[in-house]
């Protein structure tokens, strides 16, 4: 393959990362997979716009991973594929961003013209619609209006991972979403304290991410669903945090804890801990509009 020869001439190391921002038919990714048969751990990062991604780029990578040889659309060497996790992400398009903007009606028109609309209105008036803070009460079901095939519909987006990228978090540990119901605490240490019971249909869901920020600080990100009763919702968070902190990953001491919604977590900080709490919505909004 010509792409293999090209990469070899470039002197790509056995653990190098190859970026192709015009991925096309994914020949670069295919070449990297073939090169790794020498025992290497090279990674590829492909970028492609338009429908060709779904019809050509992604299918080729899937085919190559499953089997090295194909004929008439069928694999001829089953069981000889490679062990690989392929992750792909879709970035919000300019048109999708416009579809989610809701400007307040200001009468018959603006005296300041298009420049006002594009700068002031987008920067100030539209912030609430581009980032719906109220929807953070259930971050695992956050939806945006997406246009596909000339039709606009709501689609769930991965707020959790989006936030990781926004704050530049290098993920160390990432847990699954766990669901709980609450019961009154048998021995409450404050009025309204609760205990958590695992329940796949429970009202409260939690997900934890541990990682390192670009400035070196260790961060814990807690995502949760929030019920209509804020007192009980925060009591559930307290119970979850206490249970989790009994055996934290390698006894890490966090510098900052991100959590969505109003909370009382700082009341649980011990004298020898120094972490601070930041609302996820605040950090999310700051990073979205950072210049």
C-alpha atoms as a PDB file:
ATOM      1  CA  UNK A   1       0.000   0.000   0.000  1.00  0.00           C
ATOM      2  CA  UNK A   2       1.330   3.415  -0.965  1.00  0.00           C
ATOM      3  CA  UNK A   3       0.124   4.923   2.302  1.00  0.00           C
ATOM      4  CA  UNK A   4       2.174   2.428   4.311  1.00  0.00           C
ATOM      5  CA  UNK A   5       5.293   3.335   2.362  1.00  0.00           C
ATOM      6  CA  UNK A   6       4.558   7.018   2.876  1.00  0.00           C
ATOM      7  CA  UNK A   7       4.183   6.601   6.648  1.00  0.00           C
ATOM      8  CA  UNK A   8       7.342   4.486   6.817  1.00  0.00           C
ATOM      9  CA  UNK A   9       9.314   7.187   4.991  1.00  0.00           C
ATOM     10  CA  UNK A  10       8.000   9.742   7.482  1.00  0.00           C
ATOM     11  CA  UNK A  11       9.671   7.780  10.261  1.00  0.00           C
ATOM     12  CA  UNK A  12       6.515   7.241  12.303  1.00  0.00           C
ATOM     13  CA  UNK A  13       7.471   5.652  15.624  1.00  0.00           C
ATOM     14  CA  UNK A  14       5.811   2.489  16.906  1.00  0.00           C
ATOM     15  CA  UNK A  15       3.665   4.538  19.306  1.00  0.00           C
ATOM     16  CA  UNK A  16       3.147   7.620  17.141  1.00  0.00           C
ATOM     17  CA  UNK A  17      -0.125   9.411  16.396  1.00  0.00           C
ATOM     18  CA  UNK A  18      -1.024  10.037  12.757  1.00  0.00           C
ATOM     19  CA  UNK A  19      -3.484  12.819  11.902  1.00  0.00           C
ATOM     20  CA  UNK A  20      -5.295  12.972   8.564  1.00  0.00           C
ATOM     21  CA  UNK A  21      -7.710  15.903   8.437  1.00  0.00           C
ATOM     22  CA  UNK A  22      -8.878  14.977   4.900  1.00  0.00           C
ATOM     23  CA  UNK A  23      -9.586  11.334   5.668  1.00  0.00           C
ATOM     24  CA  UNK A  24     -11.596  10.587   2.519  1.00  0.00           C
ATOM     25  CA  UNK A  25     -11.725   6.823   2.063  1.00  0.00           C
ATOM     26  CA  UNK A  26      -9.766   6.212   5.306  1.00  0.00           C
ATOM     27  CA  UNK A  27      -6.702   4.883   3.514  1.00  0.00           C
ATOM     28  CA  UNK A  28      -4.456   6.467   6.175  1.00  0.00           C
ATOM     29  CA  UNK A  29      -6.322   4.725   8.971  1.00  0.00           C
ATOM     30  CA  UNK A  30      -6.161   1.466   7.010  1.00  0.00           C
ATOM     31  CA  UNK A  31      -2.394   1.889   6.610  1.00  0.00           C
ATOM     32  CA  UNK A  32      -1.889   2.478  10.333  1.00  0.00           C
ATOM     33  CA  UNK A  33      -3.851  -0.674  11.181  1.00  0.00           C
ATOM     34  CA  UNK A  34      -1.675  -2.670   8.783  1.00  0.00           C
ATOM     35  CA  UNK A  35       1.530  -1.149  10.158  1.00  0.00           C
ATOM     36  CA  UNK A  36       0.580  -2.124  13.698  1.00  0.00           C
ATOM     37  CA  UNK A  37       0.845  -5.775  12.713  1.00  0.00           C
ATOM     38  CA  UNK A  38       4.550  -5.366  13.539  1.00  0.00           C
ATOM     39  CA  UNK A  39       3.542  -5.085  17.192  1.00  0.00           C
ATOM     40  CA  UNK A  40       3.336  -1.310  17.233  1.00  0.00           C
ATOM     41  CA  UNK A  41       0.767   0.811  19.029  1.00  0.00           C
ATOM     42  CA  UNK A  42       0.292   3.629  16.537  1.00  0.00           C
ATOM     43  CA  UNK A  43      -2.932   5.613  16.675  1.00  0.00           C
ATOM     44  CA  UNK A  44      -4.790   7.358  13.892  1.00  0.00           C
ATOM     45  CA  UNK A  45      -6.984  10.433  14.096  1.00  0.00           C
ATOM     46  CA  UNK A  46      -9.177  10.972  11.056  1.00  0.00           C
ATOM     47  CA  UNK A  47     -11.359  13.956  10.190  1.00  0.00           C
ATOM     48  CA  UNK A  48     -13.955  14.115   7.433  1.00  0.00           C
ATOM     49  CA  UNK A  49     -16.997  16.238   6.599  1.00  0.00           C
ATOM     50  CA  UNK A  50     -20.130  15.368   4.703  1.00  0.00           C
ATOM     51  CA  UNK A  51     -21.979  12.144   3.972  1.00  0.00           C
ATOM     52  CA  UNK A  52     -18.807  10.396   2.780  1.00  0.00           C
ATOM     53  CA  UNK A  53     -17.970   9.763   6.443  1.00  0.00           C
ATOM     54  CA  UNK A  54     -20.998   7.486   6.890  1.00  0.00           C
ATOM     55  CA  UNK A  55     -20.855   5.870   3.457  1.00  0.00           C
ATOM     56  CA  UNK A  56     -17.105   5.404   2.950  1.00  0.00           C
ATOM     57  CA  UNK A  57     -14.770   6.478   5.785  1.00  0.00           C
ATOM     58  CA  UNK A  58     -16.336   4.703   8.765  1.00  0.00           C
ATOM     59  CA  UNK A  59     -17.420   1.536   6.882  1.00  0.00           C
ATOM     60  CA  UNK A  60     -13.876   0.993   5.595  1.00  0.00           C
ATOM     61  CA  UNK A  61     -12.375   1.211   9.076  1.00  0.00           C
ATOM     62  CA  UNK A  62     -14.991  -1.211  10.397  1.00  0.00           C
ATOM     63  CA  UNK A  63     -14.307  -3.637   7.557  1.00  0.00           C
ATOM     64  CA  UNK A  64     -10.525  -3.539   7.987  1.00  0.00           C
ATOM     65  CA  UNK A  65     -10.805  -4.125  11.719  1.00  0.00           C
ATOM     66  CA  UNK A  66     -13.145  -7.086  11.204  1.00  0.00           C
ATOM     67  CA  UNK A  67     -11.257  -8.782   8.370  1.00  0.00           C
ATOM     68  CA  UNK A  68      -8.184  -7.947   6.248  1.00  0.00           C
ATOM     69  CA  UNK A  69      -9.714  -9.316   3.025  1.00  0.00           C
ATOM     70  CA  UNK A  70     -13.125  -8.800   1.448  1.00  0.00           C
ATOM     71  CA  UNK A  71     -14.786  -9.890  -1.798  1.00  0.00           C
ATOM     72  CA  UNK A  72     -18.179  -8.844  -3.145  1.00  0.00           C
ATOM     73  CA  UNK A  73     -18.976  -7.152   0.139  1.00  0.00           C
ATOM     74  CA  UNK A  74     -18.252 -10.242   2.247  1.00  0.00           C
ATOM     75  CA  UNK A  75     -15.229 -11.037   4.469  1.00  0.00           C
ATOM     76  CA  UNK A  76     -13.017 -13.825   3.141  1.00  0.00           C
ATOM     77  CA  UNK A  77     -10.815 -14.100   6.222  1.00  0.00           C
ATOM     78  CA  UNK A  78     -13.107 -14.291   9.238  1.00  0.00           C
ATOM     79  CA  UNK A  79     -11.377 -14.422  12.607  1.00  0.00           C
ATOM     80  CA  UNK A  80      -8.278 -12.633  11.345  1.00  0.00           C
ATOM     81  CA  UNK A  81      -9.278  -9.108  12.253  1.00  0.00           C
ATOM     82  CA  UNK A  82      -7.658  -6.913  14.870  1.00  0.00           C
ATOM     83  CA  UNK A  83      -8.717  -6.084  18.417  1.00  0.00           C
ATOM     84  CA  UNK A  84      -9.560  -2.408  18.355  1.00  0.00           C
ATOM     85  CA  UNK A  85     -11.937   0.180  19.754  1.00  0.00           C
ATOM     86  CA  UNK A  86     -12.909   2.754  17.158  1.00  0.00           C
ATOM     87  CA  UNK A  87     -14.386   5.923  18.564  1.00  0.00           C
ATOM     88  CA  UNK A  88     -15.953   8.618  16.428  1.00  0.00           C
ATOM     89  CA  UNK A  89     -17.507  11.957  17.282  1.00  0.00           C
ATOM     90  CA  UNK A  90     -19.724  14.337  15.400  1.00  0.00           C
ATOM     91  CA  UNK A  91     -19.081  18.037  15.859  1.00  0.00           C
ATOM     92  CA  UNK A  92     -21.992  20.428  15.953  1.00  0.00           C
ATOM     93  CA  UNK A  93     -22.329  22.196  12.629  1.00  0.00           C
ATOM     94  CA  UNK A  94     -22.808  25.915  12.134  1.00  0.00           C
ATOM     95  CA  UNK A  95     -26.361  25.257  10.942  1.00  0.00           C
ATOM     96  CA  UNK A  96     -27.113  23.177  14.046  1.00  0.00           C
ATOM     97  CA  UNK A  97     -25.882  26.008  16.247  1.00  0.00           C
ATOM     98  CA  UNK A  98     -28.234  28.403  14.486  1.00  0.00           C
ATOM     99  CA  UNK A  99     -31.120  25.934  14.896  1.00  0.00           C
ATOM    100  CA  UNK A 100     -30.704  26.097  18.672  1.00  0.00           C
ATOM    101  CA  UNK A 101     -30.611  29.889  18.958  1.00  0.00           C
ATOM    102  CA  UNK A 102     -33.723  31.511  20.392  1.00  0.00           C
ATOM    103  CA  UNK A 103     -33.616  35.319  20.481  1.00  0.00           C
ATOM    104  CA  UNK A 104     -36.019  37.409  22.510  1.00  0.00           C
ATOM    105  CA  UNK A 105     -38.424  39.409  20.399  1.00  0.00           C
ATOM    106  CA  UNK A 106     -37.416  43.064  20.410  1.00  0.00           C
ATOM    107  CA  UNK A 107     -40.264  44.634  18.452  1.00  0.00           C
ATOM    108  CA  UNK A 108     -40.258  45.325  14.730  1.00  0.00           C
ATOM    109  CA  UNK A 109     -36.513  45.305  14.259  1.00  0.00           C
ATOM    110  CA  UNK A 110     -33.102  46.440  15.350  1.00  0.00           C
ATOM    111  CA  UNK A 111     -31.776  49.957  14.839  1.00  0.00           C
ATOM    112  CA  UNK A 112     -28.220  48.611  14.916  1.00  0.00           C
ATOM    113  CA  UNK A 113     -28.340  46.330  11.878  1.00  0.00           C
ATOM    114  CA  UNK A 114     -26.761  42.919  11.251  1.00  0.00           C
ATOM    115  CA  UNK A 115     -23.591  43.655  13.194  1.00  0.00           C
ATOM    116  CA  UNK A 116     -25.653  44.097  16.352  1.00  0.00           C
ATOM    117  CA  UNK A 117     -27.535  40.870  15.728  1.00  0.00           C
ATOM    118  CA  UNK A 118     -24.409  38.812  15.071  1.00  0.00           C
ATOM    119  CA  UNK A 119     -22.364  40.183  17.952  1.00  0.00           C
ATOM    120  CA  UNK A 120     -24.522  41.513  20.768  1.00  0.00           C
ATOM    121  CA  UNK A 121     -27.576  39.311  20.228  1.00  0.00           C
ATOM    122  CA  UNK A 122     -25.565  36.119  19.730  1.00  0.00           C
ATOM    123  CA  UNK A 123     -23.225  36.863  22.612  1.00  0.00           C
ATOM    124  CA  UNK A 124     -25.789  38.095  25.136  1.00  0.00           C
ATOM    125  CA  UNK A 125     -29.351  37.280  24.105  1.00  0.00           C
ATOM    126  CA  UNK A 126     -28.758  33.748  22.786  1.00  0.00           C
ATOM    127  CA  UNK A 127     -26.610  32.283  25.545  1.00  0.00           C
ATOM    128  CA  UNK A 128     -29.526  30.741  27.376  1.00  0.00           C
ATOM    129  CA  UNK A 129     -30.698  28.844  24.299  1.00  0.00           C
ATOM    130  CA  UNK A 130     -27.261  27.628  23.206  1.00  0.00           C
ATOM    131  CA  UNK A 131     -26.657  26.253  26.702  1.00  0.00           C
ATOM    132  CA  UNK A 132     -29.899  25.235  28.371  1.00  0.00           C
ATOM    133  CA  UNK A 133     -28.868  25.172  32.026  1.00  0.00           C
ATOM    134  CA  UNK A 134     -32.268  23.853  33.108  1.00  0.00           C
ATOM    135  CA  UNK A 135     -31.685  20.735  31.003  1.00  0.00           C
ATOM    136  CA  UNK A 136     -28.671  19.938  33.188  1.00  0.00           C
ATOM    137  CA  UNK A 137     -31.127  18.504  35.705  1.00  0.00           C
ATOM    138  CA  UNK A 138     -30.851  15.380  33.542  1.00  0.00           C
ATOM    139  CA  UNK A 139     -27.481  15.603  31.772  1.00  0.00           C
ATOM    140  CA  UNK A 140     -27.769  12.039  30.445  1.00  0.00           C
ATOM    141  CA  UNK A 141     -30.675  13.078  28.227  1.00  0.00           C
ATOM    142  CA  UNK A 142     -29.505  16.491  26.974  1.00  0.00           C
ATOM    143  CA  UNK A 143     -30.918  17.226  23.522  1.00  0.00           C
ATOM    144  CA  UNK A 144     -30.139  19.670  20.718  1.00  0.00           C
ATOM    145  CA  UNK A 145     -31.993  20.351  17.505  1.00  0.00           C
ATOM    146  CA  UNK A 146     -30.043  18.653  14.731  1.00  0.00           C
ATOM    147  CA  UNK A 147     -30.734  18.948  10.998  1.00  0.00           C
ATOM    148  CA  UNK A 148     -30.390  15.764   8.952  1.00  0.00           C
ATOM    149  CA  UNK A 149     -31.694  15.215   5.420  1.00  0.00           C
ATOM    150  CA  UNK A 150     -33.348  18.646   5.453  1.00  0.00           C
ATOM    151  CA  UNK A 151     -35.358  17.780   8.558  1.00  0.00           C
ATOM    152  CA  UNK A 152     -34.751  19.108  12.072  1.00  0.00           C
ATOM    153  CA  UNK A 153     -35.288  16.897  15.097  1.00  0.00           C
ATOM    154  CA  UNK A 154     -34.030  16.656  18.667  1.00  0.00           C
ATOM    155  CA  UNK A 155     -31.107  14.343  19.303  1.00  0.00           C
ATOM    156  CA  UNK A 156     -29.343  13.337  22.529  1.00  0.00           C
ATOM    157  CA  UNK A 157     -25.790  14.707  22.750  1.00  0.00           C
ATOM    158  CA  UNK A 158     -22.990  13.565  25.052  1.00  0.00           C
ATOM    159  CA  UNK A 159     -22.749  16.439  27.514  1.00  0.00           C
ATOM    160  CA  UNK A 160     -20.383  14.479  29.770  1.00  0.00           C
ATOM    161  CA  UNK A 161     -17.702  14.021  27.149  1.00  0.00           C
ATOM    162  CA  UNK A 162     -18.229  17.489  25.734  1.00  0.00           C
ATOM    163  CA  UNK A 163     -17.451  18.907  29.165  1.00  0.00           C
ATOM    164  CA  UNK A 164     -14.261  16.809  29.399  1.00  0.00           C
ATOM    165  CA  UNK A 165     -13.025  18.391  26.179  1.00  0.00           C
ATOM    166  CA  UNK A 166     -14.077  21.909  27.163  1.00  0.00           C
ATOM    167  CA  UNK A 167     -12.057  21.888  30.389  1.00  0.00           C
ATOM    168  CA  UNK A 168      -9.174  19.962  28.805  1.00  0.00           C
ATOM    169  CA  UNK A 169      -9.536  17.020  31.178  1.00  0.00           C
ATOM    170  CA  UNK A 170      -7.153  14.099  30.773  1.00  0.00           C
ATOM    171  CA  UNK A 171      -9.412  11.270  31.937  1.00  0.00           C
ATOM    172  CA  UNK A 172      -7.878   8.798  34.387  1.00  0.00           C
ATOM    173  CA  UNK A 173     -11.016   6.941  35.490  1.00  0.00           C
ATOM    174  CA  UNK A 174     -14.497   7.055  34.016  1.00  0.00           C
ATOM    175  CA  UNK A 175     -17.431   5.226  35.539  1.00  0.00           C
ATOM    176  CA  UNK A 176     -20.762   4.119  34.132  1.00  0.00           C
ATOM    177  CA  UNK A 177     -24.097   5.665  35.073  1.00  0.00           C
ATOM    178  CA  UNK A 178     -25.488   4.084  38.255  1.00  0.00           C
ATOM    179  CA  UNK A 179     -29.094   4.435  39.403  1.00  0.00           C
ATOM    180  CA  UNK A 180     -30.407   4.614  42.975  1.00  0.00           C
ATOM    181  CA  UNK A 181     -33.521   5.232  45.014  1.00  0.00           C
ATOM    182  CA  UNK A 182     -33.414   6.891  48.399  1.00  0.00           C
ATOM    183  CA  UNK A 183     -34.613   5.791  51.812  1.00  0.00           C
ATOM    184  CA  UNK A 184     -34.525   7.783  55.024  1.00  0.00           C
ATOM    185  CA  UNK A 185     -31.212   7.311  56.835  1.00  0.00           C
ATOM    186  CA  UNK A 186     -31.380   4.902  59.775  1.00  0.00           C
ATOM    187  CA  UNK A 187     -29.047   7.116  61.804  1.00  0.00           C
ATOM    188  CA  UNK A 188     -29.262  10.575  60.230  1.00  0.00           C
ATOM    189  CA  UNK A 189     -26.569  13.095  61.120  1.00  0.00           C
ATOM    190  CA  UNK A 190     -28.749  15.920  59.873  1.00  0.00           C
ATOM    191  CA  UNK A 191     -32.438  16.425  59.177  1.00  0.00           C
ATOM    192  CA  UNK A 192     -33.442  14.922  55.841  1.00  0.00           C
ATOM    193  CA  UNK A 193     -30.378  12.666  55.459  1.00  0.00           C
ATOM    194  CA  UNK A 194     -30.906   9.648  53.202  1.00  0.00           C
ATOM    195  CA  UNK A 195     -29.283   6.384  52.191  1.00  0.00           C
ATOM    196  CA  UNK A 196     -28.999   5.074  48.649  1.00  0.00           C
ATOM    197  CA  UNK A 197     -30.261   1.739  47.393  1.00  0.00           C
ATOM    198  CA  UNK A 198     -29.252   0.417  43.974  1.00  0.00           C
ATOM    199  CA  UNK A 199     -32.269   0.428  41.697  1.00  0.00           C
ATOM    200  CA  UNK A 200     -32.227   0.325  37.906  1.00  0.00           C
ATOM    201  CA  UNK A 201     -35.447   2.338  37.945  1.00  0.00           C
ATOM    202  CA  UNK A 202     -34.299   4.723  40.666  1.00  0.00           C
ATOM    203  CA  UNK A 203     -34.884   8.449  40.437  1.00  0.00           C
ATOM    204  CA  UNK A 204     -31.264   9.401  41.043  1.00  0.00           C
ATOM    205  CA  UNK A 205     -28.437   8.621  38.631  1.00  0.00           C
ATOM    206  CA  UNK A 206     -24.747   9.364  39.134  1.00  0.00           C
ATOM    207  CA  UNK A 207     -21.627   9.159  37.010  1.00  0.00           C
ATOM    208  CA  UNK A 208     -18.038   9.880  38.090  1.00  0.00           C
ATOM    209  CA  UNK A 209     -15.020  10.975  36.077  1.00  0.00           C
ATOM    210  CA  UNK A 210     -11.542  11.441  37.544  1.00  0.00           C
ATOM    211  CA  UNK A 211      -8.812  13.246  35.669  1.00  0.00           C
ATOM    212  CA  UNK A 212      -6.135  15.901  35.461  1.00  0.00           C
ATOM    213  CA  UNK A 213      -6.659  19.466  34.259  1.00  0.00           C
ATOM    214  CA  UNK A 214      -4.168  21.226  31.957  1.00  0.00           C
ATOM    215  CA  UNK A 215      -2.716  23.154  34.912  1.00  0.00           C
ATOM    216  CA  UNK A 216      -1.992  19.891  36.758  1.00  0.00           C
ATOM    217  CA  UNK A 217      -4.881  19.993  39.225  1.00  0.00           C
ATOM    218  CA  UNK A 218      -6.641  16.727  39.992  1.00  0.00           C
ATOM    219  CA  UNK A 219     -10.367  16.924  39.297  1.00  0.00           C
ATOM    220  CA  UNK A 220     -13.412  14.868  40.136  1.00  0.00           C
ATOM    221  CA  UNK A 221     -16.491  15.419  37.982  1.00  0.00           C
ATOM    222  CA  UNK A 222     -19.831  14.259  39.373  1.00  0.00           C
ATOM    223  CA  UNK A 223     -22.789  14.151  37.010  1.00  0.00           C
ATOM    224  CA  UNK A 224     -26.221  13.461  38.462  1.00  0.00           C
ATOM    225  CA  UNK A 225     -29.903  13.636  37.726  1.00  0.00           C
ATOM    226  CA  UNK A 226     -31.830  16.014  39.928  1.00  0.00           C
ATOM    227  CA  UNK A 227     -35.315  15.419  41.294  1.00  0.00           C
ATOM    228  CA  UNK A 228     -37.998  18.009  41.952  1.00  0.00           C
ATOM    229  CA  UNK A 229     -37.209  18.008  45.682  1.00  0.00           C
ATOM    230  CA  UNK A 230     -33.882  19.891  45.910  1.00  0.00           C
ATOM    231  CA  UNK A 231     -33.368  19.023  49.590  1.00  0.00           C
ATOM    232  CA  UNK A 232     -33.696  15.301  48.981  1.00  0.00           C
ATOM    233  CA  UNK A 233     -31.703  15.571  45.744  1.00  0.00           C
ATOM    234  CA  UNK A 234     -28.769  17.096  47.614  1.00  0.00           C
ATOM    235  CA  UNK A 235     -29.150  14.584  50.436  1.00  0.00           C
ATOM    236  CA  UNK A 236     -28.781  11.857  47.782  1.00  0.00           C
ATOM    237  CA  UNK A 237     -25.619  13.567  46.503  1.00  0.00           C
ATOM    238  CA  UNK A 238     -24.219  13.731  50.040  1.00  0.00           C
ATOM    239  CA  UNK A 239     -24.888  10.016  50.545  1.00  0.00           C
ATOM    240  CA  UNK A 240     -23.291   9.137  47.226  1.00  0.00           C
ATOM    241  CA  UNK A 241     -20.221  11.250  47.864  1.00  0.00           C
ATOM    242  CA  UNK A 242     -19.689   9.812  51.337  1.00  0.00           C
ATOM    243  CA  UNK A 243     -20.006   6.265  50.056  1.00  0.00           C
ATOM    244  CA  UNK A 244     -17.670   6.913  47.138  1.00  0.00           C
ATOM    245  CA  UNK A 245     -15.056   8.712  49.221  1.00  0.00           C
ATOM    246  CA  UNK A 246     -14.583   5.690  51.506  1.00  0.00           C
ATOM    247  CA  UNK A 247     -12.269   4.148  48.935  1.00  0.00           C
ATOM    248  CA  UNK A 248     -11.377   6.768  46.319  1.00  0.00           C
ATOM    249  CA  UNK A 249      -9.062   5.877  43.464  1.00  0.00           C
ATOM    250  CA  UNK A 250      -5.586   5.464  44.944  1.00  0.00           C
ATOM    251  CA  UNK A 251      -6.703   7.698  47.841  1.00  0.00           C
ATOM    252  CA  UNK A 252      -6.391  10.722  45.558  1.00  0.00           C
ATOM    253  CA  UNK A 253      -6.849  14.151  47.046  1.00  0.00           C
ATOM    254  CA  UNK A 254      -8.775  16.286  44.613  1.00  0.00           C
ATOM    255  CA  UNK A 255      -8.107  19.935  43.953  1.00  0.00           C
ATOM    256  CA  UNK A 256     -11.486  20.676  42.413  1.00  0.00           C
ATOM    257  CA  UNK A 257     -14.828  18.897  42.236  1.00  0.00           C
ATOM    258  CA  UNK A 258     -17.269  19.750  39.452  1.00  0.00           C
ATOM    259  CA  UNK A 259     -20.933  18.942  40.028  1.00  0.00           C
ATOM    260  CA  UNK A 260     -24.105  20.030  38.248  1.00  0.00           C
ATOM    261  CA  UNK A 261     -26.736  21.932  40.197  1.00  0.00           C
ATOM    262  CA  UNK A 262     -26.776  23.707  43.544  1.00  0.00           C
ATOM    263  CA  UNK A 263     -25.291  21.511  46.253  1.00  0.00           C
ATOM    264  CA  UNK A 264     -23.863  21.365  49.771  1.00  0.00           C
ATOM    265  CA  UNK A 265     -20.770  19.275  49.070  1.00  0.00           C
ATOM    266  CA  UNK A 266     -18.351  21.703  50.678  1.00  0.00           C
ATOM    267  CA  UNK A 267     -20.041  20.971  54.016  1.00  0.00           C
ATOM    268  CA  UNK A 268     -18.563  17.454  53.754  1.00  0.00           C
ATOM    269  CA  UNK A 269     -14.975  18.648  53.349  1.00  0.00           C
ATOM    270  CA  UNK A 270     -12.742  17.540  56.202  1.00  0.00           C
ATOM    271  CA  UNK A 271     -10.080  19.695  57.860  1.00  0.00           C
ATOM    272  CA  UNK A 272      -7.254  17.998  55.955  1.00  0.00           C
ATOM    273  CA  UNK A 273      -8.917  18.398  52.535  1.00  0.00           C
ATOM    274  CA  UNK A 274      -8.559  21.470  50.370  1.00  0.00           C
ATOM    275  CA  UNK A 275     -10.734  20.850  47.308  1.00  0.00           C
ATOM    276  CA  UNK A 276     -13.243  23.394  46.142  1.00  0.00           C
ATOM    277  CA  UNK A 277     -16.555  22.863  44.375  1.00  0.00           C
ATOM    278  CA  UNK A 278     -17.390  24.396  40.995  1.00  0.00           C
ATOM    279  CA  UNK A 279     -20.807  24.157  39.402  1.00  0.00           C
ATOM    280  CA  UNK A 280     -20.563  22.366  36.076  1.00  0.00           C
ATOM    281  CA  UNK A 281     -22.971  24.822  34.456  1.00  0.00           C
ATOM    282  CA  UNK A 282     -20.736  27.768  35.380  1.00  0.00           C
ATOM    283  CA  UNK A 283     -17.584  26.155  34.007  1.00  0.00           C
ATOM    284  CA  UNK A 284     -19.446  24.951  30.908  1.00  0.00           C
ATOM    285  CA  UNK A 285     -20.779  28.419  30.159  1.00  0.00           C
ATOM    286  CA  UNK A 286     -17.416  30.112  30.779  1.00  0.00           C
ATOM    287  CA  UNK A 287     -15.592  27.746  28.414  1.00  0.00           C
ATOM    288  CA  UNK A 288     -18.222  27.996  25.697  1.00  0.00           C
ATOM    289  CA  UNK A 289     -17.883  31.771  25.553  1.00  0.00           C
ATOM    290  CA  UNK A 290     -14.185  32.017  26.344  1.00  0.00           C
ATOM    291  CA  UNK A 291     -12.233  34.275  23.979  1.00  0.00           C
END
